[in-house]
PDB file of N, CA and C in Angstrom:
ATOM      1  N   UNK A   1      -6.104 -10.679 -12.852  1.00  0.00           N
ATOM      2  CA  UNK A   1      -5.830 -11.112 -14.204  1.00  0.00           C
ATOM      3  C   UNK A   1      -6.924 -10.650 -15.156  1.00  0.00           C
ATOM      4  N   UNK A   2      -8.117 -10.458 -14.600  1.00  0.00           N
ATOM      5  CA  UNK A   2      -9.225 -10.035 -15.452  1.00  0.00           C
ATOM      6  C   UNK A   2      -8.945  -8.692 -16.121  1.00  0.00           C
ATOM      7  N   UNK A   3      -8.340  -7.770 -15.351  1.00  0.00           N
ATOM      8  CA  UNK A   3      -8.059  -6.450 -15.929  1.00  0.00           C
ATOM      9  C   UNK A   3      -7.016  -6.551 -17.046  1.00  0.00           C
ATOM     10  N   UNK A   4      -6.059  -7.475 -16.898  1.00  0.00           N
ATOM     11  CA  UNK A   4      -5.055  -7.660 -17.958  1.00  0.00           C
ATOM     12  C   UNK A   4      -5.686  -8.263 -19.201  1.00  0.00           C
ATOM     13  N   UNK A   5      -6.636  -9.188 -19.007  1.00  0.00           N
ATOM     14  CA  UNK A   5      -7.338  -9.774 -20.158  1.00  0.00           C
ATOM     15  C   UNK A   5      -8.128  -8.704 -20.907  1.00  0.00           C
ATOM     16  N   UNK A   6      -8.745  -7.811 -20.171  1.00  0.00           N
ATOM     17  CA  UNK A   6      -9.509  -6.731 -20.812  1.00  0.00           C
ATOM     18  C   UNK A   6      -8.565  -5.822 -21.584  1.00  0.00           C
ATOM     19  N   UNK A   7      -7.441  -5.503 -20.965  1.00  0.00           N
ATOM     20  CA  UNK A   7      -6.465  -4.629 -21.619  1.00  0.00           C
ATOM     21  C   UNK A   7      -5.916  -5.267 -22.895  1.00  0.00           C
ATOM     22  N   UNK A   8      -5.707  -6.591 -22.875  1.00  0.00           N
ATOM     23  CA  UNK A   8      -5.175  -7.294 -24.040  1.00  0.00           C
ATOM     24  C   UNK A   8      -6.284  -7.693 -25.029  1.00  0.00           C
ATOM     25  N   UNK A   9      -7.520  -7.417 -24.650  1.00  0.00           N
ATOM     26  CA  UNK A   9      -8.680  -7.775 -25.472  1.00  0.00           C
ATOM     27  C   UNK A   9      -8.755  -9.265 -25.743  1.00  0.00           C
ATOM     28  N   UNK A  10      -8.533 -10.042 -24.680  1.00  0.00           N
ATOM     29  CA  UNK A  10      -8.636 -11.506 -24.751  1.00  0.00           C
ATOM     30  C   UNK A  10      -9.721 -11.942 -23.789  1.00  0.00           C
ATOM     31  N   UNK A  11     -10.479 -12.944 -24.158  1.00  0.00           N
ATOM     32  CA  UNK A  11     -11.506 -13.486 -23.277  1.00  0.00           C
ATOM     33  C   UNK A  11     -11.098 -14.869 -22.817  1.00  0.00           C
ATOM     34  N   UNK A  12     -11.784 -15.359 -21.790  1.00  0.00           N
ATOM     35  CA  UNK A  12     -11.519 -16.710 -21.306  1.00  0.00           C
ATOM     36  C   UNK A  12     -11.891 -17.732 -22.393  1.00  0.00           C
ATOM     37  N   UNK A  13     -12.876 -17.390 -23.199  1.00  0.00           N
ATOM     38  CA  UNK A  13     -13.301 -18.295 -24.267  1.00  0.00           C
ATOM     39  C   UNK A  13     -12.162 -18.554 -25.254  1.00  0.00           C
ATOM     40  N   UNK A  14     -11.291 -17.570 -25.427  1.00  0.00           N
ATOM     41  CA  UNK A  14     -10.181 -17.727 -26.349  1.00  0.00           C
ATOM     42  C   UNK A  14      -9.108 -18.686 -25.858  1.00  0.00           C
ATOM     43  N   UNK A  15      -9.170 -19.093 -24.598  1.00  0.00           N
ATOM     44  CA  UNK A  15      -8.232 -20.046 -24.000  1.00  0.00           C
ATOM     45  C   UNK A  15      -6.767 -19.624 -24.158  1.00  0.00           C
ATOM     46  N   UNK A  16      -6.518 -18.359 -23.893  1.00  0.00           N
ATOM     47  CA  UNK A  16      -5.158 -17.845 -23.934  1.00  0.00           C
ATOM     48  C   UNK A  16      -4.609 -17.896 -22.510  1.00  0.00           C
ATOM     49  N   UNK A  17      -3.420 -18.470 -22.360  1.00  0.00           N
ATOM     50  CA  UNK A  17      -2.828 -18.606 -21.034  1.00  0.00           C
ATOM     51  C   UNK A  17      -2.430 -17.252 -20.462  1.00  0.00           C
ATOM     52  N   UNK A  18      -2.470 -17.177 -19.127  1.00  0.00           N
ATOM     53  CA  UNK A  18      -2.116 -15.946 -18.431  1.00  0.00           C
ATOM     54  C   UNK A  18      -0.682 -15.520 -18.749  1.00  0.00           C
ATOM     55  N   UNK A  19       0.215 -16.481 -18.819  1.00  0.00           N
ATOM     56  CA  UNK A  19       1.618 -16.182 -19.129  1.00  0.00           C
ATOM     57  C   UNK A  19       1.742 -15.501 -20.484  1.00  0.00           C
ATOM     58  N   UNK A  20       0.985 -15.971 -21.445  1.00  0.00           N
ATOM     59  CA  UNK A  20       1.016 -15.406 -22.795  1.00  0.00           C
ATOM     60  C   UNK A  20       0.520 -13.957 -22.776  1.00  0.00           C
ATOM     61  N   UNK A  21      -0.521 -13.697 -22.001  1.00  0.00           N
ATOM     62  CA  UNK A  21      -1.057 -12.333 -21.912  1.00  0.00           C
ATOM     63  C   UNK A  21      -0.022 -11.409 -21.269  1.00  0.00           C
ATOM     64  N   UNK A  22       0.652 -11.886 -20.211  1.00  0.00           N
ATOM     65  CA  UNK A  22       1.692 -11.075 -19.572  1.00  0.00           C
ATOM     66  C   UNK A  22       2.819 -10.785 -20.555  1.00  0.00           C
ATOM     67  N   UNK A  23       3.182 -11.765 -21.374  1.00  0.00           N
ATOM     68  CA  UNK A  23       4.225 -11.550 -22.388  1.00  0.00           C
ATOM     69  C   UNK A  23       3.791 -10.495 -23.398  1.00  0.00           C
ATOM     70  N   UNK A  24       2.556 -10.577 -23.848  1.00  0.00           N
ATOM     71  CA  UNK A  24       2.052  -9.616 -24.828  1.00  0.00           C
ATOM     72  C   UNK A  24       2.045  -8.196 -24.269  1.00  0.00           C
ATOM     73  N   UNK A  25       1.745  -8.063 -22.969  1.00  0.00           N
ATOM     74  CA  UNK A  25       1.687  -6.744 -22.338  1.00  0.00           C
ATOM     75  C   UNK A  25       3.035  -6.324 -21.779  1.00  0.00           C
ATOM     76  N   UNK A  26       4.067  -7.135 -22.029  1.00  0.00           N
ATOM     77  CA  UNK A  26       5.435  -6.864 -21.580  1.00  0.00           C
ATOM     78  C   UNK A  26       5.542  -6.719 -20.063  1.00  0.00           C
ATOM     79  N   UNK A  27       4.870  -7.600 -19.321  1.00  0.00           N
ATOM     80  CA  UNK A  27       4.945  -7.622 -17.863  1.00  0.00           C
ATOM     81  C   UNK A  27       5.872  -8.742 -17.430  1.00  0.00           C
ATOM     82  N   UNK A  28       6.513  -8.558 -16.293  1.00  0.00           N
ATOM     83  CA  UNK A  28       7.391  -9.607 -15.775  1.00  0.00           C
ATOM     84  C   UNK A  28       6.557 -10.692 -15.104  1.00  0.00           C
ATOM     85  N   UNK A  29       7.170 -11.829 -14.889  1.00  0.00           N
ATOM     86  CA  UNK A  29       6.457 -12.945 -14.262  1.00  0.00           C
ATOM     87  C   UNK A  29       6.177 -12.607 -12.802  1.00  0.00           C
ATOM     88  N   UNK A  30       5.217 -13.314 -12.213  1.00  0.00           N
ATOM     89  CA  UNK A  30       4.838 -13.059 -10.835  1.00  0.00           C
ATOM     90  C   UNK A  30       5.988 -13.369  -9.887  1.00  0.00           C
ATOM     91  N   UNK A  31       6.719 -14.443 -10.137  1.00  0.00           N
ATOM     92  CA  UNK A  31       7.825 -14.793  -9.243  1.00  0.00           C
ATOM     93  C   UNK A  31       8.904 -13.701  -9.269  1.00  0.00           C
ATOM     94  N   UNK A  32       9.155 -13.125 -10.429  1.00  0.00           N
ATOM     95  CA  UNK A  32      10.136 -12.047 -10.552  1.00  0.00           C
ATOM     96  C   UNK A  32       9.667 -10.803  -9.795  1.00  0.00           C
ATOM     97  N   UNK A  33       8.379 -10.500  -9.883  1.00  0.00           N
ATOM     98  CA  UNK A  33       7.835  -9.339  -9.196  1.00  0.00           C
ATOM     99  C   UNK A  33       7.896  -9.524  -7.685  1.00  0.00           C
ATOM    100  N   UNK A  34       7.595 -10.737  -7.216  1.00  0.00           N
ATOM    101  CA  UNK A  34       7.653 -11.029  -5.778  1.00  0.00           C
ATOM    102  C   UNK A  34       9.090 -10.929  -5.291  1.00  0.00           C
ATOM    103  N   UNK A  35      10.030 -11.481  -6.065  1.00  0.00           N
ATOM    104  CA  UNK A  35      11.438 -11.428  -5.692  1.00  0.00           C
ATOM    105  C   UNK A  35      11.930  -9.986  -5.604  1.00  0.00           C
ATOM    106  N   UNK A  36      11.535  -9.151  -6.550  1.00  0.00           N
ATOM    107  CA  UNK A  36      11.926  -7.744  -6.531  1.00  0.00           C
ATOM    108  C   UNK A  36      11.410  -7.034  -5.279  1.00  0.00           C
ATOM    109  N   UNK A  37      10.166  -7.337  -4.897  1.00  0.00           N
ATOM    110  CA  UNK A  37       9.575  -6.742  -3.702  1.00  0.00           C
ATOM    111  C   UNK A  37      10.312  -7.200  -2.442  1.00  0.00           C
ATOM    112  N   UNK A  38      10.662  -8.486  -2.393  1.00  0.00           N
ATOM    113  CA  UNK A  38      11.385  -9.004  -1.233  1.00  0.00           C
ATOM    114  C   UNK A  38      12.750  -8.345  -1.104  1.00  0.00           C
ATOM    115  N   UNK A  39      13.442  -8.179  -2.209  1.00  0.00           N
ATOM    116  CA  UNK A  39      14.755  -7.534  -2.185  1.00  0.00           C
ATOM    117  C   UNK A  39      14.610  -6.082  -1.748  1.00  0.00           C
ATOM    118  N   UNK A  40      13.585  -5.409  -2.214  1.00  0.00           N
ATOM    119  CA  UNK A  40      13.342  -4.026  -1.836  1.00  0.00           C
ATOM    120  C   UNK A  40      13.086  -3.928  -0.335  1.00  0.00           C
ATOM    121  N   UNK A  41      12.254  -4.837   0.201  1.00  0.00           N
ATOM    122  CA  UNK A  41      11.946  -4.826   1.627  1.00  0.00           C
ATOM    123  C   UNK A  41      13.204  -5.135   2.444  1.00  0.00           C
ATOM    124  N   UNK A  42      14.004  -6.090   2.001  1.00  0.00           N
ATOM    125  CA  UNK A  42      15.232  -6.438   2.713  1.00  0.00           C
ATOM    126  C   UNK A  42      16.176  -5.245   2.770  1.00  0.00           C
ATOM    127  N   UNK A  43      16.300  -4.516   1.679  1.00  0.00           N
ATOM    128  CA  UNK A  43      17.125  -3.316   1.646  1.00  0.00           C
ATOM    129  C   UNK A  43      16.621  -2.273   2.629  1.00  0.00           C
ATOM    130  N   UNK A  44      15.299  -2.136   2.723  1.00  0.00           N
ATOM    131  CA  UNK A  44      14.691  -1.196   3.667  1.00  0.00           C
ATOM    132  C   UNK A  44      15.055  -1.583   5.103  1.00  0.00           C
ATOM    133  N   UNK A  45      14.966  -2.850   5.422  1.00  0.00           N
ATOM    134  CA  UNK A  45      15.272  -3.336   6.765  1.00  0.00           C
ATOM    135  C   UNK A  45      16.752  -3.103   7.086  1.00  0.00           C
ATOM    136  N   UNK A  46      17.633  -3.372   6.134  1.00  0.00           N
ATOM    137  CA  UNK A  46      19.059  -3.242   6.392  1.00  0.00           C
ATOM    138  C   UNK A  46      19.481  -1.779   6.547  1.00  0.00           C
ATOM    139  N   UNK A  47      18.694  -0.826   6.026  1.00  0.00           N
ATOM    140  CA  UNK A  47      19.025   0.591   6.160  1.00  0.00           C
ATOM    141  C   UNK A  47      18.534   1.197   7.479  1.00  0.00           C
ATOM    142  N   UNK A  48      17.755   0.445   8.253  1.00  0.00           N
ATOM    143  CA  UNK A  48      17.217   0.972   9.504  1.00  0.00           C
ATOM    144  C   UNK A  48      18.313   1.264  10.510  1.00  0.00           C
ATOM    145  N   UNK A  49      18.062   2.224  11.368  1.00  0.00           N
ATOM    146  CA  UNK A  49      18.982   2.523  12.451  1.00  0.00           C
ATOM    147  C   UNK A  49      18.968   1.391  13.457  1.00  0.00           C
ATOM    148  N   UNK A  50      20.091   1.183  14.100  1.00  0.00           N
ATOM    149  CA  UNK A  50      20.187   0.168  15.141  1.00  0.00           C
ATOM    150  C   UNK A  50      19.359   0.594  16.351  1.00  0.00           C
ATOM    151  N   UNK A  51      19.101   1.885  16.486  1.00  0.00           N
ATOM    152  CA  UNK A  51      18.336   2.407  17.614  1.00  0.00           C
ATOM    153  C   UNK A  51      16.844   2.090  17.502  1.00  0.00           C
ATOM    154  N   UNK A  52      16.340   1.848  16.296  1.00  0.00           N
ATOM    155  CA  UNK A  52      14.915   1.543  16.136  1.00  0.00           C
ATOM    156  C   UNK A  52      14.625   0.148  16.664  1.00  0.00           C
ATOM    157  N   UNK A  53      13.373  -0.118  16.972  1.00  0.00           N
ATOM    158  CA  UNK A  53      12.971  -1.418  17.518  1.00  0.00           C
ATOM    159  C   UNK A  53      13.287  -2.545  16.543  1.00  0.00           C
ATOM    160  N   UNK A  54      12.967  -2.358  15.277  1.00  0.00           N
ATOM    161  CA  UNK A  54      13.223  -3.404  14.299  1.00  0.00           C
ATOM    162  C   UNK A  54      14.711  -3.601  14.080  1.00  0.00           C
ATOM    163  N   UNK A  55      15.476  -2.506  14.116  1.00  0.00           N
ATOM    164  CA  UNK A  55      16.925  -2.608  13.991  1.00  0.00           C
ATOM    165  C   UNK A  55      17.525  -3.383  15.147  1.00  0.00           C
ATOM    166  N   UNK A  56      17.004  -3.154  16.350  1.00  0.00           N
ATOM    167  CA  UNK A  56      17.465  -3.898  17.513  1.00  0.00           C
ATOM    168  C   UNK A  56      17.130  -5.375  17.380  1.00  0.00           C
ATOM    169  N   UNK A  57      15.940  -5.655  16.877  1.00  0.00           N
ATOM    170  CA  UNK A  57      15.526  -7.038  16.682  1.00  0.00           C
ATOM    171  C   UNK A  57      16.434  -7.753  15.689  1.00  0.00           C
ATOM    172  N   UNK A  58      16.808  -7.070  14.602  1.00  0.00           N
ATOM    173  CA  UNK A  58      17.655  -7.685  13.584  1.00  0.00           C
ATOM    174  C   UNK A  58      19.063  -7.962  14.111  1.00  0.00           C
ATOM    175  N   UNK A  59      19.530  -7.190  15.090  1.00  0.00           N
ATOM    176  CA  UNK A  59      20.870  -7.356  15.640  1.00  0.00           C
ATOM    177  C   UNK A  59      20.932  -8.459  16.688  1.00  0.00           C
ATOM    178  N   UNK A  60      19.801  -8.838  17.262  1.00  0.00           N
ATOM    179  CA  UNK A  60      19.790  -9.835  18.331  1.00  0.00           C
ATOM    180  C   UNK A  60      20.076 -11.216  17.778  1.00  0.00           C
ATOM    181  N   UNK A  61      20.530 -12.088  18.671  1.00  0.00           N
ATOM    182  CA  UNK A  61      20.759 -13.474  18.310  1.00  0.00           C
ATOM    183  C   UNK A  61      20.205 -14.351  19.416  1.00  0.00           C
ATOM    184  N   UNK A  62      19.840 -15.576  19.122  1.00  0.00           N
ATOM    185  CA  UNK A  62      19.335 -16.477  20.154  1.00  0.00           C
ATOM    186  C   UNK A  62      20.435 -16.775  21.171  1.00  0.00           C
ATOM    187  N   UNK A  63      20.051 -16.958  22.401  1.00  0.00           N
ATOM    188  CA  UNK A  63      21.014 -17.247  23.459  1.00  0.00           C
ATOM    189  C   UNK A  63      21.677 -18.598  23.219  1.00  0.00           C
ATOM    190  N   UNK A  64      22.989 -18.647  23.414  1.00  0.00           N
ATOM    191  CA  UNK A  64      23.716 -19.900  23.308  1.00  0.00           C
ATOM    192  C   UNK A  64      23.983 -20.384  21.901  1.00  0.00           C
ATOM    193  N   UNK A  65      23.672 -19.586  20.900  1.00  0.00           N
ATOM    194  CA  UNK A  65      23.891 -20.000  19.518  1.00  0.00           C
ATOM    195  C   UNK A  65      24.743 -18.944  18.811  1.00  0.00           C
ATOM    196  N   UNK A  66      25.542 -19.414  17.878  1.00  0.00           N
ATOM    197  CA  UNK A  66      26.335 -18.492  17.082  1.00  0.00           C
ATOM    198  C   UNK A  66      25.522 -18.064  15.856  1.00  0.00           C
ATOM    199  N   UNK A  67      25.812 -16.889  15.374  1.00  0.00           N
ATOM    200  CA  UNK A  67      25.186 -16.414  14.144  1.00  0.00           C
ATOM    201  C   UNK A  67      25.834 -17.146  12.982  1.00  0.00           C
ATOM    202  N   UNK A  68      25.033 -17.737  12.067  1.00  0.00           N
ATOM    203  CA  UNK A  68      25.622 -18.423  10.912  1.00  0.00           C
ATOM    204  C   UNK A  68      26.502 -17.486  10.099  1.00  0.00           C
ATOM    205  N   UNK A  69      27.501 -18.067   9.443  1.00  0.00           N
ATOM    206  CA  UNK A  69      28.460 -17.283   8.664  1.00  0.00           C
ATOM    207  C   UNK A  69      27.743 -16.479   7.590  1.00  0.00           C
ATOM    208  N   UNK A  70      26.726 -17.056   6.952  1.00  0.00           N
ATOM    209  CA  UNK A  70      25.997 -16.344   5.889  1.00  0.00           C
ATOM    210  C   UNK A  70      25.355 -15.077   6.458  1.00  0.00           C
ATOM    211  N   UNK A  71      24.783 -15.194   7.645  1.00  0.00           N
ATOM    212  CA  UNK A  71      24.134 -14.038   8.272  1.00  0.00           C
ATOM    213  C   UNK A  71      25.178 -12.983   8.639  1.00  0.00           C
ATOM    214  N   UNK A  72      26.349 -13.426   9.103  1.00  0.00           N
ATOM    215  CA  UNK A  72      27.410 -12.485   9.441  1.00  0.00           C
ATOM    216  C   UNK A  72      27.834 -11.713   8.203  1.00  0.00           C
ATOM    217  N   UNK A  73      27.930 -12.401   7.081  1.00  0.00           N
ATOM    218  CA  UNK A  73      28.333 -11.728   5.835  1.00  0.00           C
ATOM    219  C   UNK A  73      27.275 -10.724   5.405  1.00  0.00           C
ATOM    220  N   UNK A  74      25.998 -11.083   5.572  1.00  0.00           N
ATOM    221  CA  UNK A  74      24.930 -10.167   5.210  1.00  0.00           C
ATOM    222  C   UNK A  74      24.958  -8.926   6.078  1.00  0.00           C
ATOM    223  N   UNK A  75      25.195  -9.126   7.367  1.00  0.00           N
ATOM    224  CA  UNK A  75      25.252  -7.990   8.273  1.00  0.00           C
ATOM    225  C   UNK A  75      26.536  -7.203   8.121  1.00  0.00           C
ATOM    226  N   UNK A  76      27.567  -7.843   7.538  1.00  0.00           N
ATOM    227  CA  UNK A  76      28.849  -7.164   7.342  1.00  0.00           C
ATOM    228  C   UNK A  76      29.640  -7.037   8.627  1.00  0.00           C
ATOM    229  N   UNK A  77      29.344  -7.923   9.541  1.00  0.00           N
ATOM    230  CA  UNK A  77      30.026  -7.851  10.832  1.00  0.00           C
ATOM    231  C   UNK A  77      30.598  -9.218  11.163  1.00  0.00           C
ATOM    232  N   UNK A  78      31.873  -9.364  10.996  1.00  0.00           N
ATOM    233  CA  UNK A  78      32.552 -10.602  11.350  1.00  0.00           C
ATOM    234  C   UNK A  78      32.865 -10.585  12.835  1.00  0.00           C
ATOM    235  N   UNK A  79      32.972 -11.773  13.393  1.00  0.00           N
ATOM    236  CA  UNK A  79      33.421 -11.888  14.769  1.00  0.00           C
ATOM    237  C   UNK A  79      32.322 -11.754  15.805  1.00  0.00           C
ATOM    238  N   UNK A  80      31.038 -11.721  15.403  1.00  0.00           N
ATOM    239  CA  UNK A  80      29.962 -11.697  16.379  1.00  0.00           C
ATOM    240  C   UNK A  80      29.740 -13.107  16.883  1.00  0.00           C
ATOM    241  N   UNK A  81      29.766 -13.315  18.141  1.00  0.00           N
ATOM    242  CA  UNK A  81      29.523 -14.646  18.714  1.00  0.00           C
ATOM    243  C   UNK A  81      28.576 -14.553  19.867  1.00  0.00           C
TER     244      UNK A  81
END
C-alpha cells in the first residue's frame, strides 16, 4: 500500500483510507482481484489433460461417496457414481 500512497501523493498523516486511494488510482478492490485470480486458476485446472497427475486427481472421488450434483455440473459429466 505504501507504493500506492506514494503514487497518489498521499501520506499517512493525511489520514486517507486505503479504499479511497485505490478509487483515485482506479484500482479494483482486493476481494475482486483475489476472486479474479481464483477464477483464472480454476480455469487453468479445468483445461488440464486427464492424463496429467493433477487432472487425474481432479477426476478421482472418495470411496463409497457420490460426487455432489454441483461438482458433476462443473465437470460436465452426469451419471458419475
